Protein backbone atom coordinates (compact mmCIF):
# COMPACT_ATOMS: atom_id res chain seq x y z
CA MET A 1 -38.79 -15.14 186.75
CA LYS A 2 -40.81 -18.46 186.41
CA ASP A 3 -42.46 -17.77 189.74
CA ILE A 4 -44.21 -14.89 188.50
CA LEU A 5 -45.66 -17.04 185.45
CA ASP A 6 -46.34 -20.39 187.80
CA GLN A 7 -48.47 -17.02 189.69
CA LEU A 8 -50.03 -15.55 186.58
CA GLU A 9 -50.79 -18.69 185.62
CA GLU A 10 -52.12 -19.81 189.51
CA ARG A 11 -54.46 -16.67 189.08
CA ARG A 12 -55.87 -17.58 185.73
CA ASP A 13 -56.66 -20.92 186.94
CA GLN A 14 -58.93 -19.71 189.77
CA ALA A 15 -60.06 -16.75 187.77
CA ARG A 16 -61.42 -19.78 185.10
CA LEU A 17 -63.01 -22.00 188.01
CA GLY A 18 -65.43 -18.75 188.74
CA GLY A 19 -67.35 -20.06 192.03
CA GLY A 20 -66.08 -22.79 192.29
CA GLN A 21 -66.11 -26.50 191.07
CA ALA A 22 -68.98 -27.29 193.17
CA ARG A 23 -70.73 -24.87 192.23
CA ILE A 24 -69.91 -25.68 188.34
CA ASP A 25 -71.04 -29.17 189.05
CA ARG A 26 -74.45 -27.81 189.75
CA GLN A 27 -74.76 -25.87 186.87
CA HIS A 28 -74.00 -29.21 185.22
CA LYS A 29 -76.61 -30.44 187.29
CA ASN A 30 -79.58 -27.93 186.06
CA GLY A 31 -78.74 -28.65 182.03
CA LYS A 32 -76.61 -25.89 181.74
CA LEU A 33 -72.97 -24.62 180.51
CA THR A 34 -71.07 -22.45 182.12
CA ALA A 35 -70.15 -18.88 180.98
CA ARG A 36 -67.12 -20.35 179.59
CA GLU A 37 -68.27 -23.64 178.34
CA ARG A 38 -71.03 -21.35 176.29
CA LEU A 39 -67.79 -19.05 175.00
CA ASP A 40 -66.26 -21.91 173.78
CA VAL A 41 -69.25 -23.04 171.72
CA LEU A 42 -70.21 -20.14 170.52
CA LEU A 43 -66.49 -18.72 169.41
CA ASP A 44 -64.54 -20.13 167.13
CA PRO A 45 -61.43 -22.50 168.56
CA ASP A 46 -58.81 -20.24 169.59
CA SER A 47 -60.54 -16.99 169.20
CA PHE A 48 -61.40 -15.82 172.09
CA GLU A 49 -59.58 -12.78 173.92
CA GLU A 50 -60.43 -11.81 177.30
CA TYR A 51 -60.44 -8.56 178.91
CA ASP A 52 -60.51 -7.68 182.77
CA MET A 53 -60.12 -11.83 183.73
CA PHE A 54 -58.74 -10.44 187.33
CA VAL A 55 -61.72 -7.18 188.00
CA ALA A 56 -63.18 -7.95 191.30
CA HIS A 57 -66.13 -5.64 193.12
CA ARG A 58 -65.22 -2.95 195.62
CA SER A 59 -68.15 -3.87 197.96
CA VAL A 60 -67.81 -3.79 201.70
CA ASP A 61 -71.06 -3.76 203.24
CA PHE A 62 -72.68 -6.71 204.37
CA GLY A 63 -69.61 -8.84 204.58
CA MET A 64 -69.00 -8.65 200.56
CA GLU A 65 -64.96 -8.23 201.34
CA LYS A 66 -64.72 -11.86 202.07
CA GLN A 67 -66.50 -13.04 198.76
CA LYS A 68 -64.58 -11.79 195.85
CA PHE A 69 -64.16 -13.67 192.75
CA PRO A 70 -61.79 -12.92 190.09
CA GLY A 71 -63.73 -11.21 186.99
CA ASP A 72 -67.05 -10.68 189.23
CA GLY A 73 -69.59 -13.06 187.27
CA VAL A 74 -68.81 -12.52 183.96
CA VAL A 75 -66.48 -13.08 181.22
CA THR A 76 -65.94 -10.53 178.61
CA GLY A 77 -63.65 -10.00 175.64
CA TRP A 78 -63.91 -10.67 172.05
CA GLY A 79 -63.61 -13.67 169.24
CA THR A 80 -64.76 -14.94 165.84
CA ILE A 81 -67.70 -16.78 164.26
CA ASN A 82 -66.75 -18.12 161.08
CA GLY A 83 -63.48 -15.57 161.15
CA ARG A 84 -65.68 -12.54 161.53
CA GLN A 85 -65.22 -10.06 164.50
CA VAL A 86 -68.07 -10.30 167.75
CA TYR A 87 -67.98 -8.72 171.46
CA VAL A 88 -69.10 -10.67 173.67
CA PHE A 89 -70.24 -11.00 177.20
CA ALA A 90 -70.76 -14.21 179.00
CA GLN A 91 -72.71 -14.24 182.72
CA ASP A 92 -71.39 -16.67 185.26
CA PHE A 93 -74.32 -17.74 187.51
CA THR A 94 -71.50 -19.66 189.52
CA VAL A 95 -69.97 -16.04 190.94
CA LEU A 96 -72.93 -14.98 193.11
CA GLY A 97 -75.82 -15.64 191.23
CA GLY A 98 -74.25 -14.11 188.18
CA SER A 99 -75.64 -10.56 189.93
CA VAL A 100 -75.03 -7.12 188.54
CA SER A 101 -72.27 -5.10 190.30
CA GLU A 102 -70.94 -1.74 189.31
CA THR A 103 -67.47 -3.48 188.26
CA HIS A 104 -69.96 -6.21 186.39
CA GLY A 105 -71.60 -3.39 185.00
CA GLN A 106 -68.12 -1.83 183.89
CA LYS A 107 -67.03 -5.01 182.42
CA ILE A 108 -70.19 -4.83 179.40
CA CYS A 109 -69.95 -1.54 179.31
CA LYS A 110 -66.21 -1.83 178.27
CA ILE A 111 -66.85 -4.39 175.47
CA MET A 112 -69.73 -2.57 174.06
CA ASP A 113 -67.52 0.91 174.00
CA MET A 114 -64.96 -1.46 172.04
CA ALA A 115 -68.04 -2.84 169.96
CA MET A 116 -69.11 0.60 168.72
CA GLN A 117 -65.39 1.99 168.17
CA ASN A 118 -64.87 -0.76 166.04
CA GLY A 119 -67.93 -1.62 164.56
CA ALA A 120 -68.64 -5.44 165.40
CA PRO A 121 -71.79 -7.18 166.78
CA VAL A 122 -72.33 -7.74 170.51
CA ILE A 123 -73.36 -10.99 171.84
CA GLY A 124 -74.44 -11.14 175.62
CA LEU A 125 -75.08 -14.81 177.13
CA ASN A 126 -77.25 -13.53 179.94
CA ASP A 127 -77.76 -15.67 183.09
CA SER A 128 -78.05 -13.77 186.30
CA GLY A 129 -80.25 -13.18 189.19
CA GLY A 130 -80.13 -9.77 188.67
CA ALA A 131 -79.43 -6.66 190.69
CA ARG A 132 -76.59 -7.30 193.22
CA ILE A 133 -78.99 -5.79 196.41
CA GLN A 134 -75.69 -5.71 198.71
CA GLU A 135 -74.51 -2.85 196.57
CA GLY A 136 -78.07 -1.69 196.58
CA VAL A 137 -77.76 1.98 193.83
CA ASP A 138 -74.65 1.74 192.72
CA SER A 139 -75.79 -2.00 190.86
CA LEU A 140 -78.95 -0.12 189.66
CA ALA A 141 -76.19 2.48 187.65
CA ALA A 142 -74.63 -0.41 186.36
CA TYR A 143 -77.62 -1.19 184.79
CA GLY A 144 -78.10 2.28 183.62
CA GLU A 145 -74.94 2.44 181.86
CA VAL A 146 -75.54 -0.63 179.94
CA PHE A 147 -79.07 0.34 178.86
CA GLN A 148 -78.03 3.78 177.68
CA ARG A 149 -75.42 1.69 175.53
CA ASN A 150 -77.88 -0.88 174.19
CA ILE A 151 -80.18 2.75 172.82
CA GLU A 152 -76.60 3.87 171.27
CA ALA A 153 -75.74 1.14 169.51
CA SER A 154 -79.20 0.23 168.24
CA GLY A 155 -78.97 0.25 164.44
CA VAL A 156 -75.59 0.79 164.54
CA ILE A 157 -74.30 -2.79 165.43
CA PRO A 158 -76.26 -5.57 165.43
CA GLN A 159 -76.77 -6.54 168.82
CA ILE A 160 -78.03 -10.30 170.16
CA SER A 161 -79.22 -11.25 173.74
CA VAL A 162 -79.05 -15.36 174.65
CA ILE A 163 -81.33 -15.66 177.46
CA MET A 164 -79.61 -19.31 179.51
CA GLY A 165 -80.81 -18.73 182.94
CA PRO A 166 -82.89 -16.02 184.95
CA CYS A 167 -83.35 -12.35 183.66
CA ALA A 168 -85.63 -11.00 186.32
CA GLY A 169 -86.31 -7.15 186.74
CA GLY A 170 -84.55 -4.47 185.43
CA ALA A 171 -81.77 -6.83 183.65
CA VAL A 172 -85.02 -7.69 181.12
CA TYR A 173 -84.93 -4.12 179.53
CA SER A 174 -81.56 -4.79 178.32
CA PRO A 175 -82.33 -7.99 176.37
CA ALA A 176 -85.51 -5.94 174.94
CA MET A 177 -83.57 -3.66 173.20
CA THR A 178 -81.37 -5.04 171.35
CA ASP A 179 -82.22 -6.55 168.18
CA PHE A 180 -82.59 -10.28 168.23
CA ILE A 181 -83.38 -12.60 171.81
CA PHE A 182 -83.20 -16.18 172.09
CA MET A 183 -84.21 -18.67 174.55
CA VAL A 184 -83.44 -21.81 176.07
CA ARG A 185 -86.24 -23.91 176.74
CA ASP A 186 -87.30 -25.04 180.32
CA SER A 187 -83.87 -23.51 181.96
CA SER A 188 -84.43 -19.65 181.15
CA TYR A 189 -87.14 -17.25 182.08
CA MET A 190 -87.46 -13.40 181.47
CA PHE A 191 -89.94 -11.44 183.57
CA VAL A 192 -90.40 -8.07 185.58
CA THR A 193 -91.71 -9.06 188.41
CA GLY A 194 -91.29 -12.83 189.36
CA PRO A 195 -94.27 -15.70 190.55
CA ASP A 196 -94.21 -14.35 194.63
CA VAL A 197 -94.26 -10.71 193.41
CA VAL A 198 -97.14 -11.56 191.02
CA LYS A 199 -99.32 -13.62 194.00
CA THR A 200 -98.92 -10.86 196.54
CA VAL A 201 -100.21 -7.89 194.19
CA THR A 202 -102.82 -9.63 192.13
CA ASN A 203 -103.55 -12.75 193.60
CA GLU A 204 -102.65 -15.10 190.37
CA THR A 205 -100.85 -18.64 191.20
CA VAL A 206 -98.14 -18.86 188.18
CA THR A 207 -95.08 -20.75 187.86
CA ALA A 208 -91.93 -18.95 186.93
CA GLU A 209 -92.19 -20.98 183.83
CA GLU A 210 -95.74 -19.70 182.88
CA LEU A 211 -95.13 -16.35 183.17
CA GLY A 212 -91.85 -15.78 181.52
CA GLY A 213 -90.50 -19.15 179.98
CA ALA A 214 -89.19 -19.52 176.31
CA SER A 215 -92.71 -20.66 175.39
CA THR A 216 -94.93 -17.92 176.94
CA HIS A 217 -92.47 -15.55 175.08
CA THR A 218 -91.99 -16.79 171.94
CA ALA A 219 -95.41 -17.67 171.18
CA LYS A 220 -97.41 -14.77 173.17
CA SER A 221 -95.83 -11.98 174.11
CA SER A 222 -93.14 -11.71 170.75
CA VAL A 223 -90.61 -10.58 173.71
CA ALA A 224 -88.30 -13.73 172.31
CA ASP A 225 -87.43 -14.05 168.48
CA ALA A 226 -86.78 -18.14 169.33
CA ALA A 227 -86.24 -20.94 171.59
CA PHE A 228 -83.91 -24.01 171.67
CA GLU A 229 -83.97 -27.06 173.43
CA ASN A 230 -80.25 -26.72 175.10
CA ASP A 231 -77.74 -24.71 175.25
CA VAL A 232 -75.67 -26.14 172.58
CA GLU A 233 -78.41 -25.64 170.33
CA ALA A 234 -79.41 -21.90 171.07
CA LEU A 235 -75.11 -20.71 170.70
CA ALA A 236 -75.37 -22.72 167.34
CA GLU A 237 -78.51 -21.00 165.70
CA VAL A 238 -76.68 -17.49 167.18
CA ARG A 239 -72.90 -18.74 164.58
CA ARG A 240 -75.74 -19.48 161.78
CA LEU A 241 -77.69 -15.52 162.43
CA VAL A 242 -74.05 -13.70 162.51
CA ASP A 243 -73.57 -15.15 159.47
CA LEU A 244 -76.40 -13.82 157.67
CA LEU A 245 -75.44 -10.09 159.31
CA PRO A 246 -73.07 -7.02 158.52
CA LEU A 247 -70.94 -6.21 161.05
CA ASN A 248 -72.42 -2.93 161.40
CA ASN A 249 -74.54 -0.36 159.84
CA ARG A 250 -71.74 0.95 157.16
CA GLU A 251 -70.59 -2.74 155.80
CA LYS A 252 -72.86 -4.65 153.56
CA PRO A 253 -73.81 -8.45 154.70
CA PRO A 254 -71.41 -10.98 153.89
CA VAL A 255 -71.57 -12.73 150.63
CA ARG A 256 -71.71 -16.11 151.10
CA PRO A 257 -70.32 -18.96 148.07
CA SER A 258 -73.60 -20.14 146.26
CA PHE A 259 -74.02 -23.47 144.41
CA ASP A 260 -77.22 -22.91 143.52
CA ALA A 261 -78.42 -21.52 139.90
CA HIS A 262 -79.56 -17.67 140.01
CA ASP A 263 -81.53 -18.84 137.21
CA ARG A 264 -83.58 -22.35 138.41
CA ILE A 265 -86.51 -22.87 137.09
CA ASP A 266 -89.20 -24.80 139.19
CA ASN A 267 -91.65 -26.00 137.58
CA SER A 268 -93.56 -27.02 141.10
CA LEU A 269 -94.46 -23.74 141.64
CA ASP A 270 -96.85 -22.74 138.67
CA THR A 271 -99.12 -25.27 140.89
CA LEU A 272 -98.50 -23.96 143.93
CA ILE A 273 -101.89 -21.59 144.03
CA PRO A 274 -104.97 -23.81 144.20
CA ASP A 275 -107.68 -23.57 141.82
CA ASN A 276 -110.22 -22.40 144.27
CA PRO A 277 -109.11 -18.89 145.95
CA ASN A 278 -110.31 -20.21 149.25
CA THR A 279 -108.39 -22.97 149.61
CA PRO A 280 -104.98 -22.44 151.73
CA TYR A 281 -101.50 -23.19 150.82
CA ASP A 282 -98.00 -22.80 152.43
CA MET A 283 -96.11 -20.03 151.71
CA LYS A 284 -93.06 -21.40 153.40
CA GLU A 285 -92.83 -23.80 150.45
CA LEU A 286 -92.43 -20.93 148.12
CA ILE A 287 -89.85 -19.21 150.21
CA THR A 288 -87.81 -22.57 150.83
CA LYS A 289 -87.97 -22.79 146.73
CA LEU A 290 -86.65 -19.43 146.05
CA ALA A 291 -83.62 -19.40 148.79
CA ASP A 292 -80.46 -20.55 147.82
CA GLU A 293 -80.02 -24.33 148.73
CA GLY A 294 -83.59 -24.06 150.39
CA ASP A 295 -82.30 -22.35 153.66
CA PHE A 296 -84.59 -20.12 155.91
CA PHE A 297 -83.94 -18.80 158.87
CA GLU A 298 -87.38 -17.41 159.87
CA MET A 299 -87.95 -15.16 163.32
CA GLN A 300 -90.69 -15.15 165.31
CA GLU A 301 -91.65 -18.48 163.86
CA ALA A 302 -93.91 -19.52 166.77
CA TYR A 303 -95.46 -15.59 167.29
CA ALA A 304 -98.32 -13.88 164.64
CA LYS A 305 -98.22 -17.17 162.31
CA ASN A 306 -100.32 -15.41 160.08
CA ILE A 307 -97.32 -13.49 158.50
CA LEU A 308 -93.44 -14.99 157.79
CA THR A 309 -90.55 -13.05 158.42
CA GLY A 310 -86.61 -14.47 158.72
CA PHE A 311 -83.83 -14.28 155.96
CA ILE A 312 -82.16 -16.20 153.04
CA ARG A 313 -79.90 -16.09 150.61
CA LEU A 314 -79.94 -15.42 146.77
CA GLU A 315 -76.83 -15.45 145.07
CA GLY A 316 -74.91 -16.07 148.32
CA ARG A 317 -76.28 -12.59 149.52
CA THR A 318 -78.35 -11.93 152.28
CA VAL A 319 -82.22 -10.97 151.77
CA GLY A 320 -85.25 -10.45 154.82
CA VAL A 321 -88.48 -12.07 153.71
CA VAL A 322 -91.68 -10.97 154.68
CA ALA A 323 -94.54 -12.33 153.67
CA ASN A 324 -98.43 -13.67 154.14
CA GLN A 325 -99.33 -16.92 155.74
CA PRO A 326 -102.93 -18.16 153.75
CA MET A 327 -102.29 -20.99 156.16
CA VAL A 328 -103.30 -19.38 159.21
CA LEU A 329 -106.18 -16.46 159.63
CA ALA A 330 -106.18 -17.06 155.38
CA GLY A 331 -103.12 -14.60 155.32
CA CYS A 332 -104.81 -11.55 157.41
CA ILE A 333 -102.75 -9.17 158.79
CA ASP A 334 -104.03 -7.94 162.72
CA ILE A 335 -102.45 -6.50 165.35
CA ALA A 336 -99.72 -9.38 165.87
CA ALA A 337 -98.48 -9.69 162.58
CA SER A 338 -97.72 -5.53 162.17
CA ARG A 339 -95.63 -5.39 165.21
CA LYS A 340 -94.00 -8.26 164.44
CA ALA A 341 -93.42 -7.18 160.72
CA ALA A 342 -92.74 -3.87 161.26
CA ARG A 343 -89.77 -4.20 163.65
CA PHE A 344 -88.42 -7.08 161.20
CA VAL A 345 -88.27 -4.75 158.47
CA ARG A 346 -86.87 -1.57 160.23
CA PHE A 347 -83.97 -3.86 161.39
CA CYS A 348 -83.30 -4.77 157.85
CA ASP A 349 -83.42 -1.29 156.82
CA ALA A 350 -80.96 -0.31 159.10
CA PHE A 351 -78.75 -2.60 158.59
CA GLU A 352 -79.15 -2.30 154.77
CA ILE A 353 -80.21 -5.83 153.99
CA PRO A 354 -82.75 -6.14 151.44
CA LEU A 355 -86.64 -6.91 151.16
CA LEU A 356 -88.73 -9.30 149.59
CA THR A 357 -92.55 -9.07 150.10
CA LEU A 358 -94.26 -12.21 148.84
CA VAL A 359 -98.22 -11.13 149.24
CA ASP A 360 -101.20 -12.70 149.65
CA VAL A 361 -103.47 -11.01 151.86
CA PRO A 362 -107.04 -10.23 152.19
CA GLY A 363 -106.75 -7.27 154.07
CA PHE A 364 -106.75 -6.41 157.79
CA LEU A 365 -108.46 -9.22 160.35
CA PRO A 366 -112.18 -7.47 161.09
CA GLY A 367 -113.57 -7.03 164.36
CA THR A 368 -113.87 -5.57 167.72
CA SER A 369 -111.14 -6.74 169.45
CA GLN A 370 -108.66 -5.89 166.86
CA GLU A 371 -110.15 -2.68 167.01
CA TRP A 372 -110.25 -1.69 170.41
CA ASN A 373 -106.76 -2.80 170.78
CA GLY A 374 -105.96 -0.56 168.20
CA VAL A 375 -105.62 -2.39 164.47
CA ILE A 376 -105.16 0.84 163.37
CA LYS A 377 -102.26 2.60 164.94
CA HIS A 378 -100.28 -0.90 165.07
CA GLY A 379 -101.35 -1.47 161.24
CA ALA A 380 -99.83 1.88 160.42
CA LYS A 381 -96.46 1.04 162.36
CA LEU A 382 -95.73 -1.59 159.13
CA LEU A 383 -96.72 0.75 156.62
CA TYR A 384 -94.50 3.32 158.41
CA ALA A 385 -91.69 0.85 158.10
CA TYR A 386 -92.14 0.12 154.73
CA GLY A 387 -92.16 3.46 153.64
CA GLU A 388 -89.16 4.65 155.42
CA ALA A 389 -87.18 1.89 154.55
CA THR A 390 -85.08 2.70 151.85
CA VAL A 391 -82.67 -0.76 150.85
CA PRO A 392 -83.77 -2.33 147.84
CA LYS A 393 -87.12 -3.88 147.98
CA VAL A 394 -89.12 -6.61 145.61
CA THR A 395 -92.44 -7.57 145.96
CA VAL A 396 -94.36 -10.24 144.46
CA ILE A 397 -97.97 -11.03 144.64
CA THR A 398 -98.77 -14.14 143.98
CA ARG A 399 -102.84 -14.56 145.16
CA LYS A 400 -105.04 -11.89 146.80
CA ALA A 401 -104.11 -8.34 147.34
CA TYR A 402 -107.23 -6.65 148.85
CA GLY A 403 -107.54 -3.15 150.00
CA GLY A 404 -105.32 -1.13 152.41
CA ALA A 405 -103.69 -4.19 153.18
CA TYR A 406 -102.37 -4.30 149.61
CA ASP A 407 -101.20 -0.42 150.02
CA VAL A 408 -98.81 -1.34 152.99
CA MET A 409 -97.34 -4.87 152.00
CA ALA A 410 -94.91 -2.93 149.76
CA SER A 411 -96.80 -1.79 147.19
CA LYS A 412 -95.51 0.44 144.40
CA HIS A 413 -97.00 3.50 146.18
CA ILE A 414 -94.75 3.27 149.72
CA ARG A 415 -91.74 3.28 147.31
CA SER A 416 -91.04 -0.83 146.49
CA ASP A 417 -88.21 -0.84 143.70
CA ILE A 418 -89.83 -3.51 142.03
CA ASN A 419 -93.23 -5.22 141.77
CA TYR A 420 -93.78 -8.48 140.42
CA ALA A 421 -97.63 -10.56 140.02
CA TRP A 422 -98.02 -13.83 139.29
CA PRO A 423 -100.88 -14.32 136.63
CA THR A 424 -103.70 -15.48 139.56
CA ALA A 425 -102.72 -12.60 141.35
CA GLU A 426 -106.29 -10.51 142.41
CA ILE A 427 -105.61 -6.91 143.06
CA ALA A 428 -108.87 -5.10 143.84
CA VAL A 429 -110.53 -3.46 147.20
CA MET A 430 -112.12 -6.62 148.23
CA GLY A 431 -113.40 -10.17 146.74
CA ALA A 432 -115.69 -9.98 143.27
CA LYS A 433 -118.41 -11.41 145.68
CA GLY A 434 -118.38 -8.75 148.30
CA ALA A 435 -118.07 -5.96 145.67
CA VAL A 436 -120.87 -6.79 143.64
CA GLU A 437 -122.79 -6.95 146.71
CA ILE A 438 -121.94 -3.02 147.89
CA ILE A 439 -122.21 -2.42 144.48
CA PHE A 440 -125.58 -3.45 143.17
CA ARG A 441 -127.09 -3.83 146.87
CA ASN A 442 -130.57 -3.21 144.92
CA GLU A 443 -130.11 -6.03 142.37
CA ILE A 444 -129.31 -8.59 145.64
CA GLY A 445 -132.71 -10.53 145.36
CA ASP A 446 -131.42 -11.66 141.16
CA ALA A 447 -129.22 -14.56 141.81
CA GLU A 448 -128.55 -14.80 138.52
CA ALA A 449 -127.69 -10.95 138.55
CA ILE A 450 -125.66 -11.06 140.94
CA ALA A 451 -123.32 -14.27 139.21
CA ALA A 452 -123.36 -12.04 136.12
CA ARG A 453 -122.30 -9.22 137.75
CA THR A 454 -119.48 -11.53 140.01
CA ALA A 455 -118.53 -12.83 137.00
CA ASP A 456 -118.11 -9.19 135.48
CA TYR A 457 -116.32 -7.76 138.39
CA GLU A 458 -113.46 -10.97 138.54
CA GLU A 459 -112.38 -10.24 134.55
CA LYS A 460 -111.92 -6.69 135.44
CA PHE A 461 -110.45 -6.64 138.79
CA ALA A 462 -109.58 -9.81 139.94
CA THR A 463 -106.57 -9.87 138.03
CA PRO A 464 -103.16 -8.39 138.02
CA PHE A 465 -103.34 -6.66 134.31
CA LYS A 466 -105.76 -4.07 135.46
CA ALA A 467 -103.06 -2.87 138.07
CA ALA A 468 -100.06 -3.41 135.87
CA GLU A 469 -101.85 -1.35 133.09
CA LYS A 470 -101.38 1.45 135.39
CA GLY A 471 -97.88 0.74 136.16
CA PHE A 472 -98.16 -0.33 139.52
CA ILE A 473 -96.65 -3.96 138.79
CA ASP A 474 -94.03 -4.31 136.62
CA GLU A 475 -94.40 -7.00 135.06
CA VAL A 476 -96.94 -9.99 135.45
CA ILE A 477 -94.10 -13.03 135.23
CA MET A 478 -94.35 -16.99 135.40
CA PRO A 479 -93.75 -18.41 138.86
CA HIS A 480 -91.64 -20.85 138.06
CA SER A 481 -89.09 -18.20 137.10
CA THR A 482 -89.69 -16.07 140.28
CA ARG A 483 -86.32 -17.42 141.57
CA ARG A 484 -84.41 -15.94 138.45
CA ARG A 485 -86.55 -12.50 138.20
CA ILE A 486 -85.87 -12.02 142.07
CA THR A 487 -82.54 -12.46 142.23
CA ARG A 488 -81.78 -9.96 138.77
CA ALA A 489 -84.35 -7.53 140.61
CA PHE A 490 -81.72 -7.18 143.25
CA ALA A 491 -78.89 -7.32 141.83
CA SER A 492 -80.19 -4.43 139.28
CA LEU A 493 -81.07 -2.51 142.57
CA ARG A 494 -77.10 -3.16 144.44
CA GLY A 495 -76.23 0.68 143.55
CA LYS A 496 -79.94 2.19 144.88
CA GLN A 497 -79.30 5.43 147.02
CA GLN A 498 -82.36 6.98 148.23
CA LYS A 499 -82.17 9.46 151.22
CA MET A 500 -85.27 10.34 153.26
CA PRO A 501 -85.52 14.11 154.23
CA TRP A 502 -83.77 15.38 156.72
CA LYS A 503 -85.05 15.17 160.81
CA LYS A 504 -83.49 14.46 164.01
CA HIS A 505 -85.62 11.44 164.21
CA ASN A 506 -88.97 9.86 163.26
CA ASN A 507 -91.99 9.52 165.07
CA ILE A 508 -93.85 5.88 164.23
CA PRO A 509 -97.05 5.36 165.43
CA LEU A 510 -96.10 3.04 168.76
């Protein structure tokens, strides 16, 4: 019996070595952890239960029968993050470059199936050279099976991808269909075709980092949601994100102890809005002052900075935040902002996370570039996302809410539940000066008359009270009491039930 137990331990030790000590040392030299080290950082201590440790590939072509490693380049199983169950797979670059074979793909599919059956998130740690060329179509079939499971799991369980090395070719489409993608600076990249192919086809000379590195995908393409300095920081942030999310679409987000009074007053908010309506201010300051302990987990911080998205807690409960940022483009909505916010709103709605919208928007960004690239259709994505969302929605207008952008930003007309405005709010079709120049275009030469007309327009429309008279604003509130009002608003909406008409699926303007 002892001999058998010793043999088992020897086999386990061999499997834990992956591609061998020399390749592990090379991984460390490149500033990267191994697959197993990454799981040790991600999961609670001693919580990891591994499956399929001894699985090996079945290929015999091109001498592959001589290159067999237990586990076949991916470590799979489940564990816990702060005591809550998650399923994980971590590709092992030390084994054949982490390339995906038929059995490698089967291991990932098995974990995803278990996650769906048990209602727990899936976290994928990607570090792979792509499809295993020696297996041909079997490798491509493995990818296809994973893709199908990504699609079926979408909106059912949270899916998180962490790109911790190369991710190229068809491999990029699995992370692209997950809910969040994190990257590691200087050691991870994603692209459909690499720099060499780009050079051949388009004659462009570009590095892997420029083509598909973390800075590219967080600031330019919006493929990734965030980038971090190293493996440890990225995995720590994944733990923080999982702590904010429900395990599946039938559960509520976790409630954490809060030591921040729900009725906390912040008098500094009374002077947040500058006297000059054209002077910007930082909307992040408002978000952090509303959040429990000032904690704001921002998503896509480097992309479309004119709109802010992320998670806070109110009374220990997760709330998704969408907010215009007056510091960038005066808070105008453009194509990038529409896409960024629409995807975030749809995620929150899929997983029953209430939405707080903070509004200071002078309109949609004008210009030929925006129109020719489809700002109409892209702006409609955000409108559609808010209109179809059935989670509790609370809106606060701090300053400008002009034109169609007022409607789009979770207005009462697209079924926002509770809409507040600060006394500084201006709810109108457009700014007073522009409005007067159109309405009284025949009096343009008379500066005194124009000034009087502008003052009259401001008195009538550049306030929240016309909208409040119509019931479009539920209450004009004091800025210093905003935290108390929104926490009570969300508390009153915890029992909300709203159904949309039956349909196979909607047809959002993509």
